[in-house]
């Protein structure tokens, strides 16, 4: 995840869903630091991060499944603030583009 963000120059533009998940694409695997192999050629990679809260399993379990309340669901701004304060120190918000420094 860290290497992929470094390739994307820590920019996540419109990559967040309303449920708090985010993803991005790297066009060439050699940008991640892997060596080039003629047998494999060049391929891209998609990174997709699914965020959740404790208790989210109750919607997926087989017995006594229940709905997750609206206030307990993960939201876009919660994930962005988590990235800003806990995982990455500085995020500069430029319109709808988040730049992670």
N, C-alpha and C. Protein backbone atom coordinates (compact mmCIF):
# COMPACT_ATOMS: atom_id res chain seq x y z
N UNK A 1 0.83 -1.19 0.00
CA UNK A 1 0.00 0.00 0.00
C UNK A 1 0.87 1.25 0.00
N UNK A 2 1.90 1.23 0.83
CA UNK A 2 2.79 2.40 0.90
C UNK A 2 3.54 2.60 -0.41
N UNK A 3 4.03 1.53 -1.02
CA UNK A 3 4.74 1.66 -2.30
C UNK A 3 3.82 2.14 -3.40
N UNK A 4 2.59 1.66 -3.38
CA UNK A 4 1.62 2.09 -4.38
C UNK A 4 1.29 3.56 -4.26
N UNK A 5 1.17 4.04 -3.03
CA UNK A 5 0.91 5.47 -2.82
C UNK A 5 2.11 6.31 -3.23
N UNK A 6 3.30 5.77 -3.04
CA UNK A 6 4.50 6.49 -3.45
C UNK A 6 4.54 6.64 -4.97
N UNK A 7 4.13 5.60 -5.70
CA UNK A 7 4.08 5.67 -7.16
C UNK A 7 3.05 6.70 -7.60
N UNK A 8 1.91 6.74 -6.91
CA UNK A 8 0.85 7.69 -7.24
C UNK A 8 1.17 9.09 -6.72
N UNK A 9 2.35 9.26 -6.14
CA UNK A 9 2.80 10.53 -5.56
C UNK A 9 1.84 11.02 -4.47
N UNK A 10 1.31 10.07 -3.72
CA UNK A 10 0.43 10.33 -2.58
C UNK A 10 -0.79 11.16 -2.94
N UNK A 11 -1.29 11.02 -4.14
CA UNK A 11 -2.49 11.74 -4.57
C UNK A 11 -3.64 10.76 -4.73
N UNK A 12 -4.70 11.02 -4.02
CA UNK A 12 -5.92 10.23 -4.17
C UNK A 12 -7.03 11.18 -4.60
N UNK A 13 -7.33 11.18 -5.87
CA UNK A 13 -8.35 12.09 -6.38
C UNK A 13 -9.61 11.30 -6.72
N UNK A 14 -10.69 11.63 -6.09
CA UNK A 14 -12.00 11.00 -6.33
C UNK A 14 -11.93 9.48 -6.23
N UNK A 15 -11.04 8.97 -5.41
CA UNK A 15 -10.88 7.52 -5.29
C UNK A 15 -11.65 6.95 -4.10
N UNK A 16 -12.38 7.78 -3.37
CA UNK A 16 -13.11 7.34 -2.19
C UNK A 16 -14.56 7.08 -2.54
N UNK A 17 -15.10 5.96 -2.05
CA UNK A 17 -16.52 5.69 -2.23
C UNK A 17 -17.29 6.30 -1.06
N UNK A 18 -18.60 6.29 -1.15
CA UNK A 18 -19.43 6.84 -0.07
C UNK A 18 -19.38 5.97 1.18
N UNK A 19 -19.00 4.71 1.04
CA UNK A 19 -18.92 3.82 2.19
C UNK A 19 -17.55 3.82 2.85
N UNK A 20 -16.66 4.71 2.43
CA UNK A 20 -15.36 4.85 3.07
C UNK A 20 -14.25 4.03 2.46
N UNK A 21 -14.53 3.24 1.44
CA UNK A 21 -13.49 2.45 0.78
C UNK A 21 -12.79 3.31 -0.26
N UNK A 22 -11.55 2.96 -0.57
CA UNK A 22 -10.85 3.70 -1.61
C UNK A 22 -9.93 2.77 -2.38
N UNK A 23 -9.60 3.17 -3.59
CA UNK A 23 -8.74 2.36 -4.43
C UNK A 23 -8.03 3.21 -5.45
N UNK A 24 -6.96 2.65 -6.00
CA UNK A 24 -6.20 3.34 -7.03
C UNK A 24 -5.47 2.30 -7.87
N UNK A 25 -4.96 2.73 -9.00
CA UNK A 25 -4.34 1.82 -9.96
C UNK A 25 -2.90 2.26 -10.24
N UNK A 26 -2.02 1.28 -10.39
CA UNK A 26 -0.64 1.51 -10.81
C UNK A 26 -0.50 0.89 -12.19
N UNK A 27 -0.06 1.66 -13.17
CA UNK A 27 -0.04 1.20 -14.56
C UNK A 27 1.02 0.14 -14.82
N UNK A 28 2.20 0.26 -14.22
CA UNK A 28 3.29 -0.68 -14.48
C UNK A 28 3.86 -1.20 -13.16
N UNK A 29 4.03 -2.51 -13.07
CA UNK A 29 4.52 -3.10 -11.83
C UNK A 29 5.98 -2.74 -11.56
N UNK A 30 6.72 -2.35 -12.58
CA UNK A 30 8.12 -2.00 -12.36
C UNK A 30 8.24 -0.68 -11.60
N UNK A 31 7.16 0.12 -11.58
CA UNK A 31 7.17 1.34 -10.78
C UNK A 31 7.18 1.04 -9.29
N UNK A 32 6.74 -0.15 -8.91
CA UNK A 32 6.70 -0.54 -7.50
C UNK A 32 8.05 -1.04 -6.99
N UNK A 33 9.02 -1.17 -7.88
CA UNK A 33 10.34 -1.62 -7.48
C UNK A 33 10.63 -3.05 -7.89
N UNK A 34 9.71 -3.70 -8.57
CA UNK A 34 9.94 -5.08 -9.03
C UNK A 34 10.82 -5.05 -10.28
N UNK A 35 11.58 -6.12 -10.46
CA UNK A 35 12.45 -6.19 -11.63
C UNK A 35 11.66 -6.63 -12.85
N UNK A 36 12.10 -6.21 -14.02
CA UNK A 36 11.44 -6.58 -15.26
C UNK A 36 11.82 -8.00 -15.66
N UNK A 37 10.85 -8.79 -16.05
CA UNK A 37 11.07 -10.16 -16.50
C UNK A 37 10.41 -10.31 -17.87
N UNK A 38 11.16 -10.79 -18.86
CA UNK A 38 10.61 -10.91 -20.21
C UNK A 38 9.47 -11.92 -20.29
N UNK A 39 9.50 -12.92 -19.46
CA UNK A 39 8.44 -13.92 -19.46
C UNK A 39 7.11 -13.37 -18.97
N UNK A 40 7.18 -12.41 -18.08
CA UNK A 40 5.97 -11.83 -17.50
C UNK A 40 5.52 -10.60 -18.29
N UNK A 41 6.46 -9.85 -18.80
CA UNK A 41 6.21 -8.57 -19.46
C UNK A 41 5.83 -7.53 -18.41
N UNK A 42 4.98 -6.60 -18.75
CA UNK A 42 4.58 -5.53 -17.83
C UNK A 42 3.09 -5.67 -17.55
N UNK A 43 2.72 -5.55 -16.29
CA UNK A 43 1.30 -5.60 -15.93
C UNK A 43 1.01 -4.52 -14.90
N UNK A 44 -0.23 -4.14 -14.80
CA UNK A 44 -0.66 -3.13 -13.84
C UNK A 44 -1.24 -3.79 -12.60
N UNK A 45 -1.46 -2.98 -11.59
CA UNK A 45 -2.04 -3.47 -10.34
C UNK A 45 -3.10 -2.50 -9.87
N UNK A 46 -4.16 -3.06 -9.29
CA UNK A 46 -5.20 -2.27 -8.66
C UNK A 46 -5.14 -2.51 -7.16
N UNK A 47 -5.14 -1.44 -6.40
CA UNK A 47 -5.19 -1.52 -4.95
C UNK A 47 -6.57 -1.04 -4.52
N UNK A 48 -7.23 -1.82 -3.68
CA UNK A 48 -8.54 -1.43 -3.16
C UNK A 48 -8.56 -1.71 -1.68
N UNK A 49 -8.82 -0.69 -0.88
CA UNK A 49 -8.80 -0.79 0.57
C UNK A 49 -10.24 -0.72 1.07
N UNK A 50 -10.65 -1.75 1.81
CA UNK A 50 -11.99 -1.81 2.38
C UNK A 50 -11.88 -1.50 3.86
N UNK A 51 -12.53 -0.46 4.30
CA UNK A 51 -12.48 -0.06 5.70
C UNK A 51 -13.74 -0.54 6.41
N UNK A 52 -13.63 -0.72 7.70
CA UNK A 52 -14.77 -1.16 8.48
C UNK A 52 -14.58 -0.82 9.95
N UNK A 53 -15.65 -0.99 10.69
CA UNK A 53 -15.62 -0.73 12.12
C UNK A 53 -15.87 -2.02 12.87
N UNK A 54 -15.52 -2.05 14.15
CA UNK A 54 -15.87 -3.22 14.95
C UNK A 54 -17.40 -3.40 14.97
N UNK A 55 -17.84 -4.62 14.80
CA UNK A 55 -19.27 -4.89 14.77
C UNK A 55 -19.84 -5.01 13.38
N UNK A 56 -19.04 -4.78 12.36
CA UNK A 56 -19.53 -4.87 10.98
C UNK A 56 -19.79 -6.31 10.57
N UNK A 57 -19.25 -7.25 11.30
CA UNK A 57 -19.44 -8.66 10.97
C UNK A 57 -20.89 -9.10 11.18
N UNK A 58 -21.63 -8.41 12.02
CA UNK A 58 -23.00 -8.83 12.32
C UNK A 58 -23.90 -8.81 11.09
N UNK A 59 -23.55 -8.07 10.07
CA UNK A 59 -24.33 -8.07 8.83
C UNK A 59 -23.96 -9.24 7.93
N UNK A 60 -22.77 -9.83 8.11
CA UNK A 60 -22.31 -10.91 7.24
C UNK A 60 -22.42 -12.30 7.85
N UNK A 61 -22.67 -12.39 9.14
CA UNK A 61 -22.71 -13.70 9.78
C UNK A 61 -23.98 -14.47 9.41
N UNK A 62 -23.93 -15.78 9.59
CA UNK A 62 -25.03 -16.65 9.17
C UNK A 62 -26.17 -16.65 10.20
N UNK A 63 -25.84 -16.80 11.46
CA UNK A 63 -26.86 -16.83 12.51
C UNK A 63 -27.00 -15.45 13.13
N UNK A 64 -28.21 -15.07 13.40
CA UNK A 64 -28.53 -13.79 14.04
C UNK A 64 -27.92 -12.61 13.30
N UNK A 65 -28.04 -12.63 11.99
CA UNK A 65 -27.54 -11.49 11.22
C UNK A 65 -28.44 -10.29 11.47
N UNK A 66 -27.88 -9.12 11.41
CA UNK A 66 -28.61 -7.89 11.68
C UNK A 66 -28.09 -6.79 10.77
N UNK A 67 -28.88 -5.77 10.63
CA UNK A 67 -28.47 -4.64 9.81
C UNK A 67 -27.58 -3.71 10.63
N UNK A 68 -26.68 -3.06 9.95
CA UNK A 68 -25.83 -2.07 10.60
C UNK A 68 -26.56 -0.74 10.54
N UNK A 69 -26.68 -0.09 11.66
CA UNK A 69 -27.39 1.18 11.73
C UNK A 69 -26.70 2.27 10.93
N UNK A 70 -27.46 3.28 10.57
CA UNK A 70 -26.92 4.35 9.74
C UNK A 70 -25.77 5.07 10.43
N UNK A 71 -25.87 5.27 11.71
CA UNK A 71 -24.81 5.95 12.44
C UNK A 71 -23.56 5.12 12.63
N UNK A 72 -23.68 3.80 12.49
CA UNK A 72 -22.54 2.90 12.68
C UNK A 72 -21.83 2.56 11.39
N UNK A 73 -22.35 2.98 10.26
CA UNK A 73 -21.72 2.67 8.98
C UNK A 73 -20.49 3.55 8.77
N UNK A 74 -19.54 3.01 8.02
CA UNK A 74 -18.33 3.76 7.70
C UNK A 74 -18.67 4.78 6.62
N UNK A 75 -18.12 5.97 6.75
CA UNK A 75 -18.42 7.03 5.81
C UNK A 75 -17.13 7.56 5.19
N UNK A 76 -17.30 8.26 4.09
CA UNK A 76 -16.17 8.79 3.32
C UNK A 76 -15.30 9.73 4.16
N UNK A 77 -15.92 10.66 4.85
CA UNK A 77 -15.14 11.65 5.61
C UNK A 77 -14.42 11.02 6.80
N UNK A 78 -14.95 9.92 7.33
CA UNK A 78 -14.28 9.23 8.44
C UNK A 78 -12.99 8.58 7.97
N UNK A 79 -13.04 7.95 6.80
CA UNK A 79 -11.83 7.33 6.24
C UNK A 79 -10.79 8.38 5.89
N UNK A 80 -11.22 9.49 5.32
CA UNK A 80 -10.28 10.55 4.97
C UNK A 80 -9.64 11.15 6.21
N UNK A 81 -10.41 11.33 7.28
CA UNK A 81 -9.82 11.87 8.50
C UNK A 81 -8.88 10.85 9.16
N UNK A 82 -9.18 9.54 9.02
CA UNK A 82 -8.28 8.51 9.55
C UNK A 82 -6.95 8.56 8.81
N UNK A 83 -7.00 8.67 7.49
CA UNK A 83 -5.77 8.78 6.71
C UNK A 83 -4.99 10.03 7.10
N UNK A 84 -5.71 11.10 7.33
CA UNK A 84 -5.06 12.37 7.64
C UNK A 84 -4.38 12.34 9.01
N UNK A 85 -5.03 11.80 10.02
CA UNK A 85 -4.52 11.92 11.38
C UNK A 85 -3.70 10.72 11.86
N UNK A 86 -4.02 9.53 11.40
CA UNK A 86 -3.36 8.37 11.97
C UNK A 86 -2.35 7.72 11.05
N UNK A 87 -2.66 7.56 9.80
CA UNK A 87 -1.75 6.82 8.92
C UNK A 87 -0.73 7.74 8.28
N UNK A 88 -1.17 8.85 7.75
CA UNK A 88 -0.28 9.78 7.08
C UNK A 88 -0.41 11.13 7.79
N UNK A 89 0.71 11.76 8.02
CA UNK A 89 0.72 12.97 8.82
C UNK A 89 0.05 14.16 8.13
N UNK A 90 0.38 14.40 6.88
CA UNK A 90 -0.11 15.59 6.20
C UNK A 90 -0.89 15.22 4.95
N UNK A 91 -2.11 15.71 4.87
CA UNK A 91 -2.89 15.59 3.65
C UNK A 91 -3.33 17.00 3.28
N UNK A 92 -2.99 17.41 2.08
CA UNK A 92 -3.40 18.72 1.61
C UNK A 92 -4.63 18.53 0.75
N UNK A 93 -5.71 19.23 1.09
CA UNK A 93 -6.95 19.08 0.34
C UNK A 93 -7.04 20.19 -0.70
N UNK A 94 -6.96 19.80 -1.97
CA UNK A 94 -7.07 20.74 -3.07
C UNK A 94 -8.34 20.37 -3.83
N UNK A 95 -9.38 21.15 -3.70
CA UNK A 95 -10.72 20.89 -4.24
C UNK A 95 -11.12 19.47 -3.87
N UNK A 96 -11.24 18.57 -4.84
CA UNK A 96 -11.62 17.20 -4.51
C UNK A 96 -10.43 16.25 -4.57
N UNK A 97 -9.21 16.79 -4.59
CA UNK A 97 -8.01 15.97 -4.66
C UNK A 97 -7.32 15.98 -3.30
N UNK A 98 -7.01 14.80 -2.78
CA UNK A 98 -6.28 14.69 -1.54
C UNK A 98 -4.84 14.35 -1.86
N UNK A 99 -3.91 15.18 -1.43
CA UNK A 99 -2.49 14.95 -1.65
C UNK A 99 -1.89 14.52 -0.33
N UNK A 100 -1.34 13.31 -0.28
CA UNK A 100 -0.72 12.79 0.93
C UNK A 100 0.76 13.10 0.88
N UNK A 101 1.25 13.83 1.87
CA UNK A 101 2.67 14.20 1.89
C UNK A 101 3.36 13.47 3.02
